[in-house]
Amino acid sequence: SIMLNSITDGLLCCLMGKTTNAVGPLDSVESTNGYSFMEVKPGRILRVRHSVPNRPAVEGAEETQPGGPERGLVHCKRKITVYRNGQLVIENLGDAVRSEILHCQSSSGEPNSTVELELSELAGQAPAQAPTGVPGCGTPGCGTRDGAAGPAKRRKRKPKKVINIDCKKQITSCKGTHSDVVLFFIHGVGGSLDIWKEQLDFFSKLGYEVVAPDLAGHGCSSAPQIAAAYTFYALAEDMRAVFKRYAKKRNILIGHSYGVSFCTFLAHEYPDLVHKVIMINGGGPTALEPSLCSIFNMPTCVLHCLSPCLAWSFLKAGFARQGAKEKQLLKEGNAFNVSSFVLRAMMSGQYWPEGDEVYHAELAVPVLLVHGMHDKFVPVEEDQRMAEILLIAFLKVIDEGSHMVMMECPETVNTLLHEFVLWEPETPAGDGQG
């Protein structure tokens, strides 16, 4: 049997911080209630909620895509140039399907478009310059792509690096009855898989296979008392192990806040397996670097003493309203209920220099960006900039939502997610050829 052992608070807070989670040694096992425990490394055990719907023994008719093999085929052809002065130039070559994908209202319909960005721009500033030929999103709150193009003479400078992307991707509708589709949900700092309760229940009832892990030190996963266990790379390898175990032919990644970075990492590592990505309040396409001037750099014992204030601050910043309902959601979601040691290690371990603008611009997978307008952690400008960088992106802003928008507005979020899961580009004949 699986035993979850809680470590008492008897040790000094300066040594251990708040109560940590601990899981006894065991093999990876599936339990009857949909939760399993997976040992990603010796002694490093993650709780995973895994729900597989009951399906008929014989399937196949619904697996075939109507309209022939060319349906939903997108030709991704892109040239990314990085200059020594920090300028990034993205050229979309022959990408005629882009304007339709973004449901543009003012697109000129031109297949070729260029986006110029300054890598040195601070997050939150105005979105980068681009010529009017680049389509705008047409969604309220979405970053428009108008403005003057940069001087042509800039492009004559010797580039530091040039990246060419030329690939064809089949983007199909993913119905719950498709046995080759899996939805992965990854939470952020201080959360747990419980924050996804409404989404997991919703998609499970529709017949989807869903997978949601607790990050190390969160929820019911084990909490090693060593800071190196919580670096981006350590957590990313955990998510890789979970993904490799449960992935099928078409996988959709859904991330919230810090969890978005792990979705991006997996989409970059497994382009043939990741079908679509959903980023909820994930922020801009910038490389991760821990803040030097942060409250989380304080000693663990100080953070432990401040934990009631931190929890209150999270409630204020994470929810548009701070009523009884929101407090109950926070409690039920087991959110911000991690040890001071884990919280400090998570924040200081957010180092990922590879995850810069170029890294995001290389993604050829369709992305849905969901932003809660009242989010005090992530400004809307950051998600607008993400939409600017990504090849195929929708940005949807939820006016009544904040950072924990999937808990505050579950019906709205579930509808948006479901529409995107079912979305399939109507590619006219011939447009798949660049």
Protein backbone atom coordinates (compact mmCIF):
# COMPACT_ATOMS: atom_id res chain seq x y z
CA SER A 1 0.00 0.00 0.00
CA ILE A 2 1.01 3.60 -0.53
CA MET A 3 1.84 5.52 2.59
CA LEU A 4 2.15 9.31 2.65
CA ASN A 5 4.25 10.31 5.64
CA SER A 6 4.15 13.90 6.86
CA ILE A 7 7.22 15.27 8.60
CA THR A 8 6.35 17.08 11.83
CA ASP A 9 7.09 20.70 12.54
CA GLY A 10 9.33 19.81 15.47
CA LEU A 11 12.55 20.81 13.73
CA LEU A 12 13.66 24.41 13.83
CA CYS A 13 12.15 26.49 11.02
CA CYS A 14 15.59 27.88 10.20
CA LEU A 15 16.69 24.36 9.28
CA MET A 16 13.61 22.97 7.61
CA GLY A 17 11.00 25.65 7.11
CA LYS A 18 7.35 24.57 6.98
CA THR A 19 6.09 20.99 6.90
CA THR A 20 7.40 19.16 3.86
CA ASN A 21 5.88 16.38 1.86
CA ALA A 22 7.41 12.92 1.92
CA VAL A 23 6.55 9.74 0.08
CA GLY A 24 7.71 6.30 1.14
CA PRO A 25 9.78 4.20 -1.30
CA LEU A 26 7.64 2.40 -3.84
CA ASP A 27 7.46 1.35 -7.46
CA SER A 28 5.37 3.35 -9.90
CA VAL A 29 1.83 2.17 -9.33
CA GLU A 30 -1.59 3.07 -10.69
CA SER A 31 -4.30 3.41 -8.07
CA THR A 32 -8.00 2.86 -8.49
CA ASN A 33 -8.96 6.48 -7.74
CA GLY A 34 -7.08 7.92 -10.72
CA TYR A 35 -3.97 8.95 -8.77
CA SER A 36 -0.62 7.24 -9.20
CA PHE A 37 2.88 7.73 -7.82
CA MET A 38 5.76 7.78 -10.27
CA GLU A 39 9.40 7.46 -9.24
CA VAL A 40 11.22 9.68 -11.74
CA LYS A 41 14.55 9.15 -9.94
CA PRO A 42 15.46 7.08 -6.88
CA GLY A 43 13.63 8.71 -3.96
CA ARG A 44 12.11 11.40 -6.20
CA ILE A 45 8.44 10.52 -6.44
CA LEU A 46 5.69 12.53 -8.09
CA ARG A 47 1.96 12.22 -7.59
CA VAL A 48 0.15 12.07 -10.93
CA ARG A 49 -3.56 12.18 -11.65
CA HIS A 50 -4.17 9.97 -14.67
CA SER A 51 -7.68 9.38 -16.00
CA VAL A 52 -8.36 7.08 -18.93
CA PRO A 53 -11.93 7.06 -20.28
CA ASN A 54 -13.81 3.85 -20.96
CA ARG A 55 -13.84 3.35 -24.71
CA PRO A 56 -15.39 0.73 -27.01
CA ALA A 57 -13.08 -2.17 -27.77
CA VAL A 58 -13.16 -1.46 -31.50
CA GLU A 59 -12.29 2.01 -32.74
CA GLY A 60 -11.04 3.42 -35.97
CA ALA A 61 -13.81 5.17 -37.84
CA GLU A 62 -13.40 8.42 -35.93
CA GLU A 63 -9.61 8.29 -36.17
CA THR A 64 -9.54 8.99 -39.88
CA GLN A 65 -9.42 12.66 -40.76
CA PRO A 66 -12.08 13.82 -43.26
CA GLY A 67 -11.08 15.59 -46.41
CA GLY A 68 -7.98 13.55 -47.17
CA PRO A 69 -4.41 13.69 -45.85
CA GLU A 70 -3.87 17.35 -46.86
CA ARG A 71 -6.57 18.61 -44.49
CA GLY A 72 -5.12 20.66 -41.63
CA LEU A 73 -1.64 20.62 -43.14
CA VAL A 74 0.34 23.78 -42.31
CA HIS A 75 3.60 24.59 -44.02
CA CYS A 76 5.84 26.40 -41.54
CA LYS A 77 8.60 28.27 -43.35
CA ARG A 78 10.48 30.85 -41.29
CA LYS A 79 13.80 32.64 -41.26
CA ILE A 80 15.05 34.05 -37.93
CA THR A 81 18.03 36.39 -37.95
CA VAL A 82 19.79 37.55 -34.78
CA TYR A 83 22.08 40.57 -35.05
CA ARG A 84 24.95 41.47 -32.75
CA ASN A 85 23.14 44.58 -31.49
CA GLY A 86 20.37 42.37 -30.06
CA GLN A 87 17.91 42.87 -32.91
CA LEU A 88 15.80 39.89 -33.90
CA VAL A 89 14.19 39.72 -37.34
CA ILE A 90 11.57 37.04 -38.02
CA GLU A 91 10.51 36.47 -41.62
CA ASN A 92 7.49 34.27 -42.31
CA LEU A 93 8.02 32.91 -45.82
CA GLY A 94 5.10 31.61 -47.83
CA ASP A 95 2.99 31.11 -44.71
CA ALA A 96 -0.35 31.81 -46.40
CA VAL A 97 -2.44 30.02 -43.76
CA ARG A 98 -1.31 32.35 -40.95
CA SER A 99 -3.91 35.07 -41.47
CA GLU A 100 -6.73 32.53 -41.41
CA ILE A 101 -5.39 30.81 -38.31
CA LEU A 102 -5.43 34.09 -36.38
CA HIS A 103 -8.95 35.02 -37.60
CA CYS A 104 -7.58 38.36 -38.71
CA GLN A 105 -9.90 41.25 -39.44
CA SER A 106 -7.46 43.60 -41.13
CA SER A 107 -4.93 41.33 -42.77
CA SER A 108 -3.79 42.21 -46.25
CA GLY A 109 -3.58 38.49 -46.93
CA GLU A 110 0.06 38.69 -47.95
CA PRO A 111 1.86 35.40 -47.38
CA ASN A 112 5.21 37.01 -46.61
CA SER A 113 5.58 39.05 -43.45
CA THR A 114 8.36 40.29 -41.22
CA VAL A 115 8.51 41.01 -37.50
CA GLU A 116 11.40 42.98 -36.02
CA LEU A 117 12.14 42.86 -32.32
CA GLU A 118 14.76 44.22 -29.98
CA LEU A 119 16.00 41.52 -27.64
CA SER A 120 17.00 44.21 -25.16
CA GLU A 121 13.43 45.51 -24.85
CA LEU A 122 12.08 45.32 -21.34
CA ALA A 123 9.00 43.20 -20.80
CA GLY A 124 5.95 45.40 -20.53
CA GLN A 125 7.04 47.92 -23.11
CA ALA A 126 5.12 48.38 -26.33
CA PRO A 127 5.13 45.37 -28.65
CA ALA A 128 7.85 45.30 -31.27
CA GLN A 129 7.68 47.01 -34.61
CA ALA A 130 6.30 45.21 -37.62
CA PRO A 131 5.04 46.18 -41.07
CA THR A 132 1.30 46.43 -41.68
CA GLY A 133 1.44 43.26 -43.78
CA VAL A 134 1.74 41.20 -40.59
CA PRO A 135 -1.77 40.19 -39.53
CA GLY A 136 -3.38 41.50 -36.36
CA CYS A 137 -5.31 39.21 -34.05
CA GLY A 138 -8.62 41.02 -33.85
CA THR A 139 -9.22 39.76 -30.30
CA PRO A 140 -9.98 42.35 -27.59
CA GLY A 141 -6.78 43.01 -25.67
CA CYS A 142 -4.66 41.30 -28.32
CA GLY A 143 -1.36 42.83 -29.39
CA THR A 144 -1.78 44.50 -32.75
CA ARG A 145 0.98 44.34 -35.28
CA ASP A 146 0.80 47.75 -36.88
CA GLY A 147 3.48 50.39 -36.96
CA ALA A 148 6.33 51.16 -39.29
CA ALA A 149 8.85 48.60 -40.34
CA GLY A 150 12.44 49.14 -39.32
CA PRO A 151 14.85 50.66 -41.83
CA ALA A 152 15.89 48.17 -44.50
CA LYS A 153 19.56 49.08 -44.04
CA ARG A 154 19.52 47.32 -40.64
CA ARG A 155 19.24 43.96 -42.34
CA LYS A 156 22.50 44.48 -44.24
CA ARG A 157 24.49 44.20 -41.05
CA LYS A 158 26.35 40.97 -40.52
CA PRO A 159 24.07 38.66 -38.54
CA LYS A 160 25.22 36.84 -35.45
CA LYS A 161 23.02 33.82 -36.17
CA VAL A 162 20.53 32.76 -38.84
CA ILE A 163 17.96 29.99 -38.26
CA ASN A 164 15.85 28.51 -41.05
CA ILE A 165 12.70 26.52 -40.27
CA ASP A 166 10.97 24.55 -43.01
CA CYS A 167 8.50 21.91 -41.89
CA LYS A 168 5.02 20.62 -42.55
CA LYS A 169 2.72 19.94 -39.62
CA GLN A 170 -0.61 18.14 -39.56
CA ILE A 171 -2.92 20.04 -37.20
CA THR A 172 -6.13 18.12 -36.65
CA SER A 173 -9.16 18.27 -34.43
CA CYS A 174 -8.70 16.24 -31.23
CA LYS A 175 -11.98 14.74 -30.09
CA GLY A 176 -12.38 12.98 -26.77
CA THR A 177 -13.13 9.72 -28.59
CA HIS A 178 -9.71 9.71 -30.25
CA SER A 179 -7.67 7.10 -28.41
CA ASP A 180 -4.36 8.66 -29.51
CA VAL A 181 -4.95 12.02 -27.72
CA VAL A 182 -3.62 12.88 -24.23
CA LEU A 183 -3.97 16.22 -22.39
CA PHE A 184 -1.16 17.15 -19.97
CA PHE A 185 -1.73 19.81 -17.28
CA ILE A 186 1.32 21.40 -15.55
CA HIS A 187 0.89 23.81 -12.62
CA GLY A 188 3.24 26.60 -11.49
CA VAL A 189 5.08 27.67 -8.33
CA GLY A 190 3.11 27.03 -5.16
CA GLY A 191 0.29 25.19 -6.91
CA SER A 192 -0.63 21.52 -7.23
CA LEU A 193 -2.53 19.37 -9.68
CA ASP A 194 -5.65 20.25 -7.65
CA ILE A 195 -5.78 23.74 -9.22
CA TRP A 196 -6.82 21.95 -12.44
CA LYS A 197 -9.80 20.16 -10.82
CA GLU A 198 -12.47 21.86 -12.97
CA GLN A 199 -10.49 21.27 -16.17
CA LEU A 200 -9.62 17.65 -15.35
CA ASP A 201 -13.23 16.82 -14.50
CA PHE A 202 -14.53 18.64 -17.60
CA PHE A 203 -12.25 16.90 -20.08
CA SER A 204 -12.51 13.50 -18.38
CA LYS A 205 -16.31 13.63 -18.73
CA LEU A 206 -15.89 14.46 -22.43
CA GLY A 207 -13.88 11.26 -22.87
CA TYR A 208 -10.33 12.62 -22.87
CA GLU A 209 -7.30 10.95 -21.33
CA VAL A 210 -5.79 13.50 -18.90
CA VAL A 211 -2.50 13.59 -17.03
CA ALA A 212 -1.61 16.11 -14.29
CA PRO A 213 1.50 15.83 -12.08
CA ASP A 214 2.40 17.55 -8.82
CA LEU A 215 5.81 19.22 -9.23
CA ALA A 216 8.49 18.11 -6.74
CA GLY A 217 7.85 19.71 -3.35
CA HIS A 218 4.22 20.45 -4.25
CA GLY A 219 0.94 18.69 -3.48
CA CYS A 220 1.66 15.07 -2.53
CA SER A 221 4.97 14.71 -4.39
CA SER A 222 8.18 14.17 -2.43
CA ALA A 223 10.06 17.27 -1.27
CA PRO A 224 13.85 16.76 -1.26
CA GLN A 225 15.65 19.09 1.17
CA ILE A 226 18.29 20.19 -1.33
CA ALA A 227 17.97 23.35 -3.43
CA ALA A 228 19.37 21.65 -6.56
CA ALA A 229 16.20 19.50 -6.67
CA TYR A 230 14.17 22.56 -7.71
CA THR A 231 16.16 24.07 -10.58
CA PHE A 232 14.39 24.52 -13.91
CA TYR A 233 16.44 21.71 -15.40
CA ALA A 234 15.66 19.24 -12.58
CA LEU A 235 11.93 19.97 -12.83
CA ALA A 236 12.02 19.88 -16.65
CA GLU A 237 13.56 16.39 -16.54
CA ASP A 238 10.74 15.32 -14.19
CA MET A 239 8.19 16.59 -16.71
CA ARG A 240 10.06 14.84 -19.53
CA ALA A 241 9.79 11.54 -17.62
CA VAL A 242 6.05 12.04 -17.04
CA PHE A 243 5.53 13.01 -20.69
CA LYS A 244 7.47 10.04 -22.05
CA ARG A 245 5.52 7.63 -19.86
CA TYR A 246 2.02 8.78 -20.82
CA ALA A 247 2.45 10.40 -24.28
CA LYS A 248 0.60 9.02 -27.28
CA LYS A 249 0.48 10.12 -30.93
CA ARG A 250 -1.18 13.53 -30.34
CA ASN A 251 -0.43 15.31 -27.09
CA ILE A 252 -1.75 18.68 -25.93
CA LEU A 253 0.20 20.53 -23.23
CA ILE A 254 -1.58 22.96 -20.89
CA GLY A 255 0.57 25.03 -18.52
CA HIS A 256 -0.10 27.72 -15.94
CA SER A 257 2.44 30.41 -14.95
CA TYR A 258 5.85 28.71 -14.43
CA GLY A 259 4.32 25.49 -15.78
CA VAL A 260 4.18 27.15 -19.22
CA SER A 261 8.00 27.02 -19.39
CA PHE A 262 7.95 23.23 -19.07
CA CYS A 263 5.31 23.00 -21.82
CA THR A 264 7.52 25.12 -24.08
CA PHE A 265 10.51 22.93 -23.26
CA LEU A 266 8.63 19.73 -24.12
CA ALA A 267 7.19 21.22 -27.33
CA HIS A 268 10.71 22.15 -28.40
CA GLU A 269 12.13 18.74 -27.47
CA TYR A 270 9.31 16.65 -29.00
CA PRO A 271 7.93 18.58 -32.02
CA ASP A 272 6.47 15.43 -33.61
CA LEU A 273 4.59 14.40 -30.46
CA VAL A 274 3.30 17.77 -29.21
CA HIS A 275 0.17 18.65 -31.19
CA LYS A 276 -0.94 21.90 -29.53
CA VAL A 277 0.09 24.02 -26.52
CA ILE A 278 -2.06 26.13 -24.20
CA MET A 279 -0.30 28.82 -22.12
CA ILE A 280 -2.29 30.34 -19.24
CA ASN A 281 -0.77 33.54 -17.79
CA GLY A 282 2.70 32.35 -18.74
CA GLY A 283 4.33 35.70 -19.50
CA GLY A 284 6.74 36.79 -22.20
CA PRO A 285 9.11 34.76 -24.37
CA THR A 286 12.16 35.70 -22.33
CA ALA A 287 14.94 33.55 -20.89
CA LEU A 288 14.38 32.73 -17.22
CA GLU A 289 16.66 34.32 -14.66
CA PRO A 290 16.06 34.55 -10.90
CA SER A 291 15.56 38.04 -9.52
CA LEU A 292 18.43 39.33 -7.38
CA CYS A 293 16.18 41.69 -5.43
CA SER A 294 13.40 39.41 -4.30
CA ILE A 295 11.70 38.64 -1.00
CA PHE A 296 12.38 34.97 -1.81
CA ASN A 297 16.12 35.53 -1.34
CA MET A 298 15.52 35.95 2.39
CA PRO A 299 16.55 33.11 4.72
CA THR A 300 14.10 30.21 4.91
CA CYS A 301 13.26 30.92 8.56
CA VAL A 302 12.29 34.52 7.71
CA LEU A 303 10.11 33.30 4.85
CA HIS A 304 8.50 30.80 7.21
CA CYS A 305 7.57 33.61 9.61
CA LEU A 306 6.23 35.64 6.68
CA SER A 307 4.21 32.75 5.21
CA PRO A 308 0.80 34.08 6.40
CA CYS A 309 1.59 37.42 4.73
CA LEU A 310 2.77 35.66 1.56
CA ALA A 311 -0.42 33.59 1.40
CA TRP A 312 -2.52 36.76 1.85
CA SER A 313 -0.48 38.56 -0.81
CA PHE A 314 -0.97 35.65 -3.21
CA LEU A 315 -4.72 35.78 -2.63
CA LYS A 316 -4.72 39.53 -3.36
CA ALA A 317 -2.56 39.24 -6.48
CA GLY A 318 -3.80 35.89 -7.79
CA PHE A 319 -7.56 36.54 -7.75
CA ALA A 320 -9.59 39.43 -9.14
CA ARG A 321 -11.78 39.27 -6.02
CA GLN A 322 -10.88 38.18 -2.50
CA GLY A 323 -14.18 36.83 -1.20
CA ALA A 324 -15.04 33.63 0.66
CA LYS A 325 -15.30 31.76 -2.65
CA GLU A 326 -11.73 32.67 -3.63
CA LYS A 327 -10.35 31.73 -0.19
CA GLN A 328 -12.13 28.38 -0.46
CA LEU A 329 -10.73 27.84 -3.97
CA LEU A 330 -7.23 28.52 -2.69
CA LYS A 331 -7.73 26.00 0.11
CA GLU A 332 -9.29 23.34 -2.11
CA GLY A 333 -6.65 23.85 -4.79
CA ASN A 334 -3.93 23.27 -2.20
CA ALA A 335 -2.31 26.35 -3.73
CA PHE A 336 0.52 28.24 -2.06
CA ASN A 337 0.78 25.49 0.50
CA VAL A 338 4.44 24.57 0.07
CA SER A 339 7.33 24.78 2.50
CA SER A 340 9.36 27.98 2.73
CA PHE A 341 12.44 26.01 1.70
CA VAL A 342 10.77 24.72 -1.47
CA LEU A 343 9.36 28.15 -2.31
CA ARG A 344 12.77 29.79 -1.96
CA ALA A 345 14.50 27.04 -3.98
CA MET A 346 11.86 27.21 -6.73
CA MET A 347 12.22 30.96 -7.16
CA SER A 348 16.02 30.97 -7.10
CA GLY A 349 16.13 27.95 -9.44
CA GLN A 350 14.32 29.69 -12.31
CA TYR A 351 17.39 29.82 -14.52
CA TRP A 352 16.87 28.86 -18.18
CA PRO A 353 19.04 30.96 -20.54
CA GLU A 354 18.11 28.83 -23.58
CA GLY A 355 14.44 29.78 -23.35
CA ASP A 356 14.81 33.12 -25.10
CA GLU A 357 12.89 34.80 -27.95
CA VAL A 358 14.64 32.71 -30.62
CA TYR A 359 13.77 29.49 -28.77
CA HIS A 360 10.08 30.47 -28.77
CA ALA A 361 10.18 31.68 -32.38
CA GLU A 362 11.36 28.21 -33.44
CA LEU A 363 8.15 26.57 -32.18
CA ALA A 364 5.94 25.48 -35.09
CA VAL A 365 3.14 24.17 -32.87
CA PRO A 366 -0.18 26.10 -32.58
CA VAL A 367 -0.50 27.92 -29.25
CA LEU A 368 -3.49 29.30 -27.37
CA LEU A 369 -2.58 32.10 -24.97
CA VAL A 370 -5.10 32.70 -22.18
CA HIS A 371 -4.66 35.82 -20.03
CA GLY A 372 -6.61 37.00 -16.98
CA MET A 373 -6.89 40.78 -17.38
CA HIS A 374 -6.51 41.47 -13.64
CA ASP A 375 -3.33 39.38 -13.30
CA LYS A 376 -0.89 41.31 -11.07
CA PHE A 377 1.95 38.83 -11.66
CA VAL A 378 1.97 38.84 -15.47
CA PRO A 379 1.14 42.04 -17.42
CA VAL A 380 -0.95 41.56 -20.57
CA GLU A 381 1.89 43.10 -22.60
CA GLU A 382 4.00 40.01 -21.92
CA ASP A 383 1.42 37.65 -23.41
CA GLN A 384 0.97 40.08 -26.32
CA ARG A 385 4.67 39.85 -26.97
CA MET A 386 4.48 36.05 -26.81
CA ALA A 387 1.75 36.16 -29.49
CA GLU A 388 4.06 38.37 -31.57
CA ILE A 389 6.96 35.91 -31.43
CA LEU A 390 5.10 32.61 -31.93
CA LEU A 391 4.37 31.37 -35.43
CA ILE A 392 0.75 30.25 -34.88
CA ALA A 393 -0.92 31.90 -31.88
CA PHE A 394 -4.32 32.96 -30.55
CA LEU A 395 -4.50 35.36 -27.61
CA LYS A 396 -7.70 35.33 -25.55
CA VAL A 397 -8.10 37.82 -22.71
CA ILE A 398 -10.64 37.06 -19.96
CA ASP A 399 -11.80 40.38 -18.54
CA GLU A 400 -13.07 39.05 -15.21
CA GLY A 401 -10.09 36.78 -14.54
CA SER A 402 -6.76 37.16 -12.76
CA HIS A 403 -3.68 34.93 -12.35
CA MET A 404 -5.72 31.90 -11.19
CA VAL A 405 -8.20 32.36 -14.04
CA MET A 406 -8.81 28.62 -14.53
CA MET A 407 -10.12 28.46 -10.94
CA GLU A 408 -11.98 31.81 -11.03
CA CYS A 409 -13.67 31.38 -14.41
CA PRO A 410 -13.70 27.61 -15.06
CA GLU A 411 -16.59 27.61 -17.54
CA THR A 412 -15.02 30.32 -19.72
CA VAL A 413 -11.58 28.70 -19.61
CA ASN A 414 -12.96 25.21 -20.29
CA THR A 415 -14.88 26.49 -23.32
CA LEU A 416 -11.80 28.24 -24.74
CA LEU A 417 -9.62 25.19 -24.16
CA HIS A 418 -12.16 22.82 -25.70
CA GLU A 419 -12.62 25.00 -28.80
CA PHE A 420 -8.86 25.05 -29.32
CA VAL A 421 -8.54 21.29 -28.80
CA LEU A 422 -11.21 20.79 -31.52
CA TRP A 423 -9.77 23.48 -33.80
CA GLU A 424 -8.47 22.45 -37.19
CA PRO A 425 -7.16 24.86 -39.85
CA GLU A 426 -9.14 24.84 -43.08
CA THR A 427 -6.20 24.79 -45.45
CA PRO A 428 -7.24 25.51 -49.06
CA ALA A 429 -5.83 23.11 -51.66
CA GLY A 430 -2.34 24.13 -52.64
CA ASP A 431 -1.66 26.37 -49.65
CA GLY A 432 0.15 23.56 -47.91
CA GLN A 433 2.85 23.93 -50.52
CA GLY A 434 5.23 26.83 -49.82
